Amino acid sequence: MRTATKELQEEKAVNFDKIFTRQYSTALSKSPMTSFNFSSKSTGDNPSVSSGPALGLGWDFTDSMPIQVDEYESLRGSRKDQKAMTVPRTVREAILKVDCGYSRMELARGVRKINAIKAKRRQTITNLQNQKAEERLEELRHYVNKRMMCKTKSDAEEMEMLWIKAANYAAAKT
């Protein structure tokens, strides 16, 4: 005897019918913090580029006609490898200047933003490497302060200065 649950499980299937694609406007990668915007064009802040400005999608798009999956697969050609999808810096700059109308100053502003994000990421990585040591130092500070029970403000200030010196010494060792 079959149960209703088993019948439902046997009937489940996934089918693909049509593919709907969109053609997006060319733009620099967009950040909500950007202060300038050329309608669908925006300035870059994607730190994954090795150098120069970053390309991204604009907000404007055009829908294409739906196409059957099998037809799409026969027309699309072979997949590109990672290297083939990389756009060189000079090409990105030309697209942004000629096609999108960005000035050199706007491109430079985008590159500075990217470099600032990269610096923050490097700082985060550095901080993560020291996190365990900092946590242990904070636990030790709490333990010692609790045991010594600083009686006056000057005692507490002196203890704080000792901890700062200890932390500086530990940081110099790493």
N, C-alpha and C. Protein backbone atom coordinates (compact mmCIF):
# COMPACT_ATOMS: atom_id res chain seq x y z
N MET A 1 0.83 -1.18 0.00
CA MET A 1 0.00 0.00 0.00
C MET A 1 0.88 1.25 0.00
N ARG A 2 0.58 2.16 -0.86
CA ARG A 2 1.37 3.39 -0.98
C ARG A 2 0.71 4.49 -0.17
N THR A 3 1.57 5.30 0.45
CA THR A 3 1.04 6.43 1.21
C THR A 3 1.05 7.67 0.33
N ALA A 4 0.30 8.67 0.74
CA ALA A 4 0.23 9.92 -0.02
C ALA A 4 1.60 10.61 -0.08
N THR A 5 2.38 10.52 1.00
CA THR A 5 3.70 11.14 1.05
C THR A 5 4.63 10.52 0.01
N LYS A 6 4.61 9.19 -0.10
CA LYS A 6 5.48 8.52 -1.07
C LYS A 6 5.08 8.91 -2.49
N GLU A 7 3.79 9.00 -2.75
CA GLU A 7 3.34 9.38 -4.08
C GLU A 7 3.80 10.79 -4.43
N LEU A 8 3.72 11.71 -3.47
CA LEU A 8 4.18 13.09 -3.70
C LEU A 8 5.68 13.14 -3.98
N GLN A 9 6.45 12.35 -3.22
CA GLN A 9 7.89 12.33 -3.41
C GLN A 9 8.26 11.81 -4.80
N GLU A 10 7.54 10.82 -5.29
CA GLU A 10 7.83 10.25 -6.60
C GLU A 10 7.46 11.22 -7.72
N GLU A 11 6.47 12.08 -7.49
CA GLU A 11 6.02 13.01 -8.51
C GLU A 11 6.89 14.25 -8.61
N LYS A 12 7.72 14.54 -7.62
CA LYS A 12 8.56 15.74 -7.65
C LYS A 12 9.60 15.62 -8.75
N ALA A 13 9.72 16.71 -9.51
CA ALA A 13 10.71 16.76 -10.59
C ALA A 13 11.04 18.22 -10.86
N VAL A 14 12.20 18.43 -11.44
CA VAL A 14 12.62 19.78 -11.81
C VAL A 14 12.73 19.82 -13.33
N ASN A 15 12.11 20.83 -13.92
CA ASN A 15 12.16 21.00 -15.37
C ASN A 15 12.59 22.43 -15.68
N PHE A 16 13.38 22.60 -16.71
CA PHE A 16 13.77 23.92 -17.16
C PHE A 16 13.17 24.13 -18.54
N ASP A 17 12.60 25.29 -18.75
CA ASP A 17 11.89 25.55 -19.99
C ASP A 17 12.58 26.63 -20.80
N LYS A 18 12.56 27.86 -20.27
CA LYS A 18 13.12 29.00 -20.99
C LYS A 18 14.15 29.72 -20.13
N ILE A 19 15.02 30.43 -20.81
CA ILE A 19 16.02 31.26 -20.14
C ILE A 19 15.72 32.71 -20.47
N PHE A 20 15.67 33.52 -19.45
CA PHE A 20 15.47 34.96 -19.63
C PHE A 20 16.79 35.64 -19.27
N THR A 21 17.32 36.43 -20.18
CA THR A 21 18.59 37.11 -19.92
C THR A 21 18.37 38.61 -19.94
N ARG A 22 19.31 39.32 -19.33
CA ARG A 22 19.30 40.78 -19.31
C ARG A 22 20.65 41.29 -19.76
N GLN A 23 20.64 42.38 -20.47
CA GLN A 23 21.87 43.07 -20.86
C GLN A 23 21.97 44.31 -19.98
N TYR A 24 22.96 44.34 -19.09
CA TYR A 24 23.14 45.47 -18.18
C TYR A 24 24.06 46.51 -18.78
N SER A 25 23.89 47.74 -18.35
CA SER A 25 24.77 48.82 -18.80
C SER A 25 26.16 48.61 -18.22
N THR A 26 27.16 49.08 -18.93
CA THR A 26 28.53 49.01 -18.46
C THR A 26 28.74 50.10 -17.42
N ALA A 27 29.39 49.76 -16.33
CA ALA A 27 29.61 50.75 -15.29
C ALA A 27 30.79 50.35 -14.44
N LEU A 28 31.27 51.31 -13.69
CA LEU A 28 32.22 51.00 -12.64
C LEU A 28 31.43 50.31 -11.55
N SER A 29 32.08 49.46 -10.77
CA SER A 29 31.43 48.79 -9.67
C SER A 29 30.85 49.84 -8.72
N LYS A 30 29.61 49.64 -8.26
CA LYS A 30 28.88 50.67 -7.50
C LYS A 30 28.91 50.43 -6.00
N SER A 31 29.14 51.50 -5.27
CA SER A 31 29.03 51.50 -3.82
C SER A 31 27.94 52.46 -3.42
N PRO A 32 27.11 52.14 -2.40
CA PRO A 32 26.08 53.08 -1.98
C PRO A 32 26.67 54.37 -1.43
N MET A 33 27.94 54.36 -1.06
CA MET A 33 28.57 55.53 -0.46
C MET A 33 29.08 56.51 -1.53
N THR A 34 28.96 56.15 -2.82
CA THR A 34 29.48 56.99 -3.89
C THR A 34 28.69 58.29 -3.97
N SER A 35 29.41 59.39 -4.10
CA SER A 35 28.75 60.69 -4.11
C SER A 35 28.39 61.16 -5.51
N PHE A 36 28.89 60.51 -6.55
CA PHE A 36 28.56 60.92 -7.90
C PHE A 36 28.03 59.73 -8.67
N ASN A 37 27.13 60.03 -9.62
CA ASN A 37 26.48 58.96 -10.35
C ASN A 37 26.04 59.49 -11.71
N PHE A 38 26.39 58.81 -12.77
CA PHE A 38 25.95 59.17 -14.11
C PHE A 38 24.82 58.21 -14.48
N SER A 39 23.61 58.50 -14.08
CA SER A 39 22.42 57.66 -14.27
C SER A 39 22.76 56.20 -13.96
N SER A 40 22.97 55.37 -14.98
CA SER A 40 23.23 53.96 -14.72
C SER A 40 24.70 53.68 -14.46
N LYS A 41 25.54 54.67 -14.61
CA LYS A 41 26.98 54.46 -14.43
C LYS A 41 27.36 54.79 -13.00
N SER A 42 28.32 54.08 -12.45
CA SER A 42 28.73 54.32 -11.07
C SER A 42 30.20 54.05 -10.90
N THR A 43 30.77 54.52 -9.79
CA THR A 43 32.21 54.40 -9.61
C THR A 43 32.58 53.16 -8.82
N GLY A 44 33.81 52.65 -9.05
CA GLY A 44 34.20 51.35 -8.55
C GLY A 44 34.77 51.31 -7.15
N ASP A 45 34.50 50.22 -6.45
CA ASP A 45 35.11 49.99 -5.16
C ASP A 45 35.34 48.50 -4.93
N ASN A 46 35.31 47.68 -5.97
CA ASN A 46 35.53 46.26 -5.84
C ASN A 46 37.04 46.01 -5.70
N PRO A 47 37.50 45.57 -4.53
CA PRO A 47 38.94 45.45 -4.30
C PRO A 47 39.58 44.21 -4.94
N SER A 48 38.84 43.46 -5.74
CA SER A 48 39.42 42.25 -6.32
C SER A 48 40.31 42.54 -7.52
N VAL A 49 40.30 43.76 -8.04
CA VAL A 49 41.17 44.08 -9.17
C VAL A 49 42.61 44.20 -8.68
N SER A 50 43.55 43.81 -9.54
CA SER A 50 44.96 43.91 -9.14
C SER A 50 45.44 45.35 -9.19
N SER A 51 44.91 46.12 -10.14
CA SER A 51 45.25 47.54 -10.23
C SER A 51 44.20 48.24 -11.08
N GLY A 52 44.10 49.54 -10.91
CA GLY A 52 43.17 50.33 -11.72
C GLY A 52 41.74 50.27 -11.22
N PRO A 53 40.82 50.86 -11.99
CA PRO A 53 39.42 50.90 -11.59
C PRO A 53 38.72 49.56 -11.81
N ALA A 54 37.61 49.36 -11.10
CA ALA A 54 36.85 48.12 -11.22
C ALA A 54 35.59 48.35 -12.04
N LEU A 55 35.28 47.40 -12.91
CA LEU A 55 34.03 47.44 -13.68
C LEU A 55 32.93 46.75 -12.88
N GLY A 56 31.72 47.16 -13.13
CA GLY A 56 30.58 46.52 -12.50
C GLY A 56 29.35 46.70 -13.36
N LEU A 57 28.21 46.32 -12.84
CA LEU A 57 26.95 46.45 -13.55
C LEU A 57 26.25 47.73 -13.12
N GLY A 58 25.66 48.41 -14.08
CA GLY A 58 24.83 49.57 -13.76
C GLY A 58 23.44 49.10 -13.38
N TRP A 59 22.57 50.03 -13.06
CA TRP A 59 21.20 49.70 -12.68
C TRP A 59 20.32 49.46 -13.90
N ASP A 60 20.63 50.09 -15.02
CA ASP A 60 19.80 49.98 -16.21
C ASP A 60 20.06 48.66 -16.92
N PHE A 61 19.00 48.06 -17.42
CA PHE A 61 19.15 46.81 -18.18
C PHE A 61 18.07 46.72 -19.24
N THR A 62 18.31 45.84 -20.20
CA THR A 62 17.35 45.56 -21.25
C THR A 62 17.09 44.07 -21.23
N ASP A 63 15.83 43.69 -21.16
CA ASP A 63 15.47 42.27 -21.22
C ASP A 63 15.58 41.77 -22.64
N SER A 64 16.03 40.54 -22.81
CA SER A 64 16.05 39.94 -24.13
C SER A 64 14.86 38.99 -24.25
N MET A 65 14.63 38.52 -25.44
CA MET A 65 13.53 37.58 -25.66
C MET A 65 13.87 36.26 -24.98
N PRO A 66 12.87 35.60 -24.39
CA PRO A 66 13.14 34.29 -23.78
C PRO A 66 13.58 33.29 -24.84
N ILE A 67 14.43 32.37 -24.44
CA ILE A 67 14.96 31.37 -25.37
C ILE A 67 14.88 30.00 -24.69
N GLN A 68 14.61 28.98 -25.45
CA GLN A 68 14.54 27.63 -24.91
C GLN A 68 15.92 27.21 -24.40
N VAL A 69 15.95 26.44 -23.32
CA VAL A 69 17.21 26.03 -22.71
C VAL A 69 18.11 25.31 -23.71
N ASP A 70 17.54 24.38 -24.45
CA ASP A 70 18.35 23.61 -25.41
C ASP A 70 18.94 24.51 -26.49
N GLU A 71 18.15 25.46 -26.96
CA GLU A 71 18.64 26.39 -27.99
C GLU A 71 19.76 27.26 -27.42
N TYR A 72 19.56 27.74 -26.19
CA TYR A 72 20.59 28.57 -25.54
C TYR A 72 21.89 27.79 -25.42
N GLU A 73 21.80 26.57 -24.95
CA GLU A 73 23.00 25.74 -24.75
C GLU A 73 23.73 25.50 -26.07
N SER A 74 23.00 25.35 -27.17
CA SER A 74 23.65 25.10 -28.44
C SER A 74 24.30 26.37 -29.01
N LEU A 75 23.79 27.55 -28.63
CA LEU A 75 24.31 28.80 -29.17
C LEU A 75 25.41 29.45 -28.34
N ARG A 76 25.44 29.16 -27.06
CA ARG A 76 26.30 29.94 -26.16
C ARG A 76 27.80 29.67 -26.32
N GLY A 77 28.18 28.57 -26.86
CA GLY A 77 29.60 28.29 -27.03
C GLY A 77 30.21 27.71 -25.75
N SER A 78 31.52 27.55 -25.78
CA SER A 78 32.19 26.94 -24.63
C SER A 78 32.36 27.97 -23.50
N ARG A 79 32.47 27.46 -22.31
CA ARG A 79 32.65 28.33 -21.15
C ARG A 79 34.05 28.93 -21.16
N LYS A 80 34.12 30.17 -20.66
CA LYS A 80 35.41 30.85 -20.59
C LYS A 80 36.10 30.47 -19.28
N ASP A 81 37.43 30.38 -19.34
CA ASP A 81 38.17 30.15 -18.10
C ASP A 81 38.40 31.49 -17.40
N GLN A 82 38.92 31.44 -16.20
CA GLN A 82 39.11 32.64 -15.37
C GLN A 82 39.97 33.68 -16.08
N LYS A 83 41.02 33.25 -16.72
CA LYS A 83 41.93 34.18 -17.40
C LYS A 83 41.22 34.91 -18.54
N ALA A 84 40.36 34.21 -19.27
CA ALA A 84 39.65 34.82 -20.39
C ALA A 84 38.62 35.84 -19.92
N MET A 85 38.15 35.73 -18.69
CA MET A 85 37.16 36.68 -18.17
C MET A 85 37.81 37.90 -17.52
N THR A 86 39.12 37.89 -17.36
CA THR A 86 39.82 39.02 -16.77
C THR A 86 39.95 40.14 -17.79
N VAL A 87 39.55 41.34 -17.39
CA VAL A 87 39.64 42.51 -18.27
C VAL A 87 40.87 43.31 -17.84
N PRO A 88 41.86 43.50 -18.71
CA PRO A 88 43.06 44.25 -18.35
C PRO A 88 42.74 45.69 -17.95
N ARG A 89 43.61 46.25 -17.13
CA ARG A 89 43.42 47.61 -16.61
C ARG A 89 43.20 48.63 -17.73
N THR A 90 44.01 48.56 -18.77
CA THR A 90 43.90 49.55 -19.85
C THR A 90 42.56 49.45 -20.56
N VAL A 91 42.03 48.24 -20.70
CA VAL A 91 40.73 48.07 -21.34
C VAL A 91 39.62 48.60 -20.43
N ARG A 92 39.71 48.30 -19.12
CA ARG A 92 38.71 48.82 -18.17
C ARG A 92 38.70 50.35 -18.20
N GLU A 93 39.89 50.95 -18.19
CA GLU A 93 39.96 52.41 -18.21
C GLU A 93 39.36 52.98 -19.50
N ALA A 94 39.64 52.33 -20.64
CA ALA A 94 39.09 52.80 -21.91
C ALA A 94 37.56 52.69 -21.91
N ILE A 95 37.03 51.59 -21.43
CA ILE A 95 35.57 51.42 -21.36
C ILE A 95 34.96 52.53 -20.51
N LEU A 96 35.57 52.78 -19.37
CA LEU A 96 35.00 53.77 -18.44
C LEU A 96 35.13 55.20 -18.95
N LYS A 97 36.22 55.49 -19.65
CA LYS A 97 36.39 56.84 -20.19
C LYS A 97 35.53 57.06 -21.43
N VAL A 98 35.68 56.17 -22.40
CA VAL A 98 35.02 56.36 -23.70
C VAL A 98 33.53 56.01 -23.64
N ASP A 99 33.21 54.81 -23.17
CA ASP A 99 31.81 54.35 -23.20
C ASP A 99 30.95 54.98 -22.11
N CYS A 100 31.54 55.20 -20.94
CA CYS A 100 30.74 55.68 -19.81
C CYS A 100 30.94 57.16 -19.50
N GLY A 101 31.97 57.77 -20.05
CA GLY A 101 32.17 59.20 -19.88
C GLY A 101 32.81 59.63 -18.57
N TYR A 102 33.54 58.75 -17.91
CA TYR A 102 34.21 59.13 -16.67
C TYR A 102 35.47 59.93 -16.96
N SER A 103 35.77 60.86 -16.07
CA SER A 103 37.00 61.65 -16.21
C SER A 103 38.14 60.92 -15.51
N ARG A 104 39.36 61.37 -15.77
CA ARG A 104 40.53 60.78 -15.11
C ARG A 104 40.44 60.97 -13.60
N MET A 105 39.91 62.13 -13.17
CA MET A 105 39.78 62.40 -11.74
C MET A 105 38.82 61.41 -11.08
N GLU A 106 37.73 61.11 -11.75
CA GLU A 106 36.76 60.15 -11.20
C GLU A 106 37.35 58.74 -11.13
N LEU A 107 38.10 58.37 -12.15
CA LEU A 107 38.77 57.06 -12.12
C LEU A 107 39.78 57.00 -10.99
N ALA A 108 40.55 58.08 -10.81
CA ALA A 108 41.55 58.13 -9.74
C ALA A 108 40.87 58.02 -8.37
N ARG A 109 39.71 58.69 -8.22
CA ARG A 109 38.96 58.62 -6.96
C ARG A 109 38.52 57.18 -6.68
N GLY A 110 38.05 56.50 -7.73
CA GLY A 110 37.65 55.10 -7.59
C GLY A 110 38.82 54.21 -7.20
N VAL A 111 39.99 54.44 -7.80
CA VAL A 111 41.19 53.65 -7.48
C VAL A 111 41.62 53.90 -6.04
N ARG A 112 41.56 55.16 -5.59
CA ARG A 112 41.92 55.46 -4.18
C ARG A 112 40.97 54.74 -3.22
N LYS A 113 39.70 54.69 -3.57
CA LYS A 113 38.72 54.00 -2.73
C LYS A 113 39.05 52.51 -2.64
N ILE A 114 39.39 51.92 -3.80
CA ILE A 114 39.77 50.50 -3.83
C ILE A 114 41.00 50.26 -2.96
N ASN A 115 42.00 51.12 -3.08
CA ASN A 115 43.22 50.95 -2.28
C ASN A 115 42.94 51.07 -0.79
N ALA A 116 42.02 51.95 -0.41
CA ALA A 116 41.65 52.09 1.01
C ALA A 116 40.97 50.82 1.51
N ILE A 117 40.11 50.24 0.70
CA ILE A 117 39.43 48.99 1.09
C ILE A 117 40.45 47.86 1.22
N LYS A 118 41.40 47.79 0.29
CA LYS A 118 42.44 46.76 0.37
C LYS A 118 43.26 46.91 1.65
N ALA A 119 43.59 48.16 2.01
CA ALA A 119 44.36 48.41 3.23
C ALA A 119 43.58 47.97 4.46
N LYS A 120 42.27 48.24 4.48
CA LYS A 120 41.44 47.80 5.61
C LYS A 120 41.39 46.29 5.71
N ARG A 121 41.32 45.62 4.57
CA ARG A 121 41.31 44.15 4.58
C ARG A 121 42.63 43.59 5.11
N ARG A 122 43.75 44.21 4.68
CA ARG A 122 45.05 43.75 5.19
C ARG A 122 45.14 43.95 6.69
N GLN A 123 44.62 45.09 7.18
CA GLN A 123 44.63 45.37 8.62
C GLN A 123 43.78 44.35 9.37
N THR A 124 42.65 43.98 8.80
CA THR A 124 41.79 42.97 9.43
C THR A 124 42.52 41.65 9.54
N ILE A 125 43.21 41.25 8.49
CA ILE A 125 43.96 39.99 8.52
C ILE A 125 45.03 40.04 9.59
N THR A 126 45.74 41.17 9.69
CA THR A 126 46.77 41.34 10.72
C THR A 126 46.14 41.25 12.10
N ASN A 127 45.02 41.93 12.30
CA ASN A 127 44.36 41.92 13.60
C ASN A 127 43.87 40.53 13.96
N LEU A 128 43.38 39.77 13.00
CA LEU A 128 42.90 38.42 13.28
C LEU A 128 44.04 37.52 13.75
N GLN A 129 45.23 37.75 13.21
CA GLN A 129 46.38 36.94 13.62
C GLN A 129 46.76 37.21 15.07
N ASN A 130 46.53 38.44 15.54
CA ASN A 130 46.88 38.81 16.91
C ASN A 130 45.72 38.66 17.88
N GLN A 131 44.56 38.28 17.40
CA GLN A 131 43.36 38.25 18.23
C GLN A 131 43.50 37.35 19.45
N LYS A 132 44.00 36.14 19.28
CA LYS A 132 44.13 35.21 20.41
C LYS A 132 45.03 35.78 21.50
N ALA A 133 46.17 36.34 21.08
CA ALA A 133 47.09 36.91 22.05
C ALA A 133 46.45 38.08 22.79
N GLU A 134 45.71 38.92 22.07
CA GLU A 134 45.05 40.05 22.69
C GLU A 134 43.98 39.59 23.68
N GLU A 135 43.24 38.55 23.34
CA GLU A 135 42.22 38.02 24.24
C GLU A 135 42.86 37.46 25.51
N ARG A 136 43.95 36.74 25.37
CA ARG A 136 44.63 36.19 26.55
C ARG A 136 45.18 37.30 27.43
N LEU A 137 45.75 38.34 26.80
CA LEU A 137 46.28 39.47 27.54
C LEU A 137 45.16 40.16 28.32
N GLU A 138 44.00 40.32 27.71
CA GLU A 138 42.87 40.95 28.38
C GLU A 138 42.38 40.09 29.54
N GLU A 139 42.36 38.78 29.37
CA GLU A 139 41.98 37.87 30.47
C GLU A 139 42.98 37.98 31.62
N LEU A 140 44.26 38.03 31.29
CA LEU A 140 45.29 38.15 32.31
C LEU A 140 45.18 39.48 33.04
N ARG A 141 44.93 40.55 32.31
CA ARG A 141 44.75 41.87 32.92
C ARG A 141 43.59 41.85 33.91
N HIS A 142 42.49 41.28 33.50
CA HIS A 142 41.32 41.19 34.36
C HIS A 142 41.63 40.38 35.62
N TYR A 143 42.33 39.25 35.46
CA TYR A 143 42.68 38.39 36.58
C TYR A 143 43.58 39.13 37.57
N VAL A 144 44.62 39.78 37.06
CA VAL A 144 45.57 40.48 37.94
C VAL A 144 44.88 41.64 38.65
N ASN A 145 44.09 42.42 37.91
CA ASN A 145 43.38 43.53 38.55
C ASN A 145 42.45 43.04 39.65
N LYS A 146 41.81 41.93 39.43
CA LYS A 146 40.90 41.37 40.42
C LYS A 146 41.68 40.92 41.65
N ARG A 147 42.84 40.30 41.45
CA ARG A 147 43.65 39.81 42.57
C ARG A 147 44.29 40.95 43.36
N MET A 148 44.76 41.97 42.66
CA MET A 148 45.47 43.06 43.33
C MET A 148 44.51 44.07 43.93
N MET A 149 43.31 44.14 43.38
CA MET A 149 42.27 45.05 43.87
C MET A 149 42.88 46.43 44.14
N CYS A 150 43.11 47.16 43.07
CA CYS A 150 43.69 48.50 43.18
C CYS A 150 42.86 49.34 44.14
N LYS A 151 43.54 49.91 45.14
CA LYS A 151 42.83 50.64 46.17
C LYS A 151 42.65 52.12 45.83
N THR A 152 43.56 52.72 45.12
CA THR A 152 43.44 54.14 44.79
C THR A 152 43.47 54.32 43.27
N LYS A 153 43.11 55.52 42.85
CA LYS A 153 43.11 55.82 41.43
C LYS A 153 44.53 55.76 40.87
N SER A 154 45.50 56.23 41.64
CA SER A 154 46.88 56.20 41.17
C SER A 154 47.37 54.77 41.01
N ASP A 155 46.92 53.86 41.90
CA ASP A 155 47.27 52.45 41.75
C ASP A 155 46.71 51.91 40.43
N ALA A 156 45.46 52.26 40.14
CA ALA A 156 44.82 51.79 38.91
C ALA A 156 45.53 52.37 37.68
N GLU A 157 45.90 53.66 37.75
CA GLU A 157 46.61 54.29 36.63
C GLU A 157 47.97 53.65 36.42
N GLU A 158 48.69 53.37 37.51
CA GLU A 158 49.99 52.72 37.40
C GLU A 158 49.84 51.32 36.81
N MET A 159 48.81 50.60 37.24
CA MET A 159 48.56 49.26 36.72
C MET A 159 48.26 49.34 35.21
N GLU A 160 47.49 50.33 34.82
CA GLU A 160 47.15 50.50 33.40
C GLU A 160 48.41 50.77 32.58
N MET A 161 49.30 51.62 33.08
CA MET A 161 50.55 51.91 32.37
C MET A 161 51.40 50.64 32.24
N LEU A 162 51.44 49.82 33.28
CA LEU A 162 52.19 48.56 33.20
C LEU A 162 51.60 47.65 32.12
N TRP A 163 50.27 47.60 32.03
CA TRP A 163 49.63 46.77 31.02
C TRP A 163 49.91 47.29 29.62
N ILE A 164 49.93 48.58 29.44
CA ILE A 164 50.24 49.17 28.14
C ILE A 164 51.67 48.81 27.73
N LYS A 165 52.59 48.93 28.69
CA LYS A 165 53.97 48.55 28.40
C LYS A 165 54.08 47.06 28.05
N ALA A 166 53.35 46.23 28.79
CA ALA A 166 53.37 44.78 28.52
C ALA A 166 52.80 44.48 27.14
N ALA A 167 51.73 45.16 26.79
CA ALA A 167 51.11 44.94 25.48
C ALA A 167 52.07 45.39 24.36
N ASN A 168 52.73 46.52 24.54
CA ASN A 168 53.69 47.02 23.55
C ASN A 168 54.86 46.05 23.41
N TYR A 169 55.31 45.51 24.54
CA TYR A 169 56.41 44.54 24.51
C TYR A 169 55.98 43.27 23.77
N ALA A 170 54.76 42.80 24.05
CA ALA A 170 54.25 41.59 23.39
C ALA A 170 54.08 41.84 21.91
N ALA A 171 53.60 43.03 21.54
CA ALA A 171 53.42 43.35 20.11
C ALA A 171 54.76 43.41 19.38
N ALA A 172 55.78 43.90 20.06
CA ALA A 172 57.10 43.99 19.45
C ALA A 172 57.69 42.59 19.22
N LYS A 173 57.32 41.64 20.04
CA LYS A 173 57.83 40.26 19.93
C LYS A 173 57.20 39.52 18.75
N THR A 174 55.97 39.93 18.33
CA THR A 174 55.29 39.19 17.25
C THR A 174 55.60 39.76 15.91
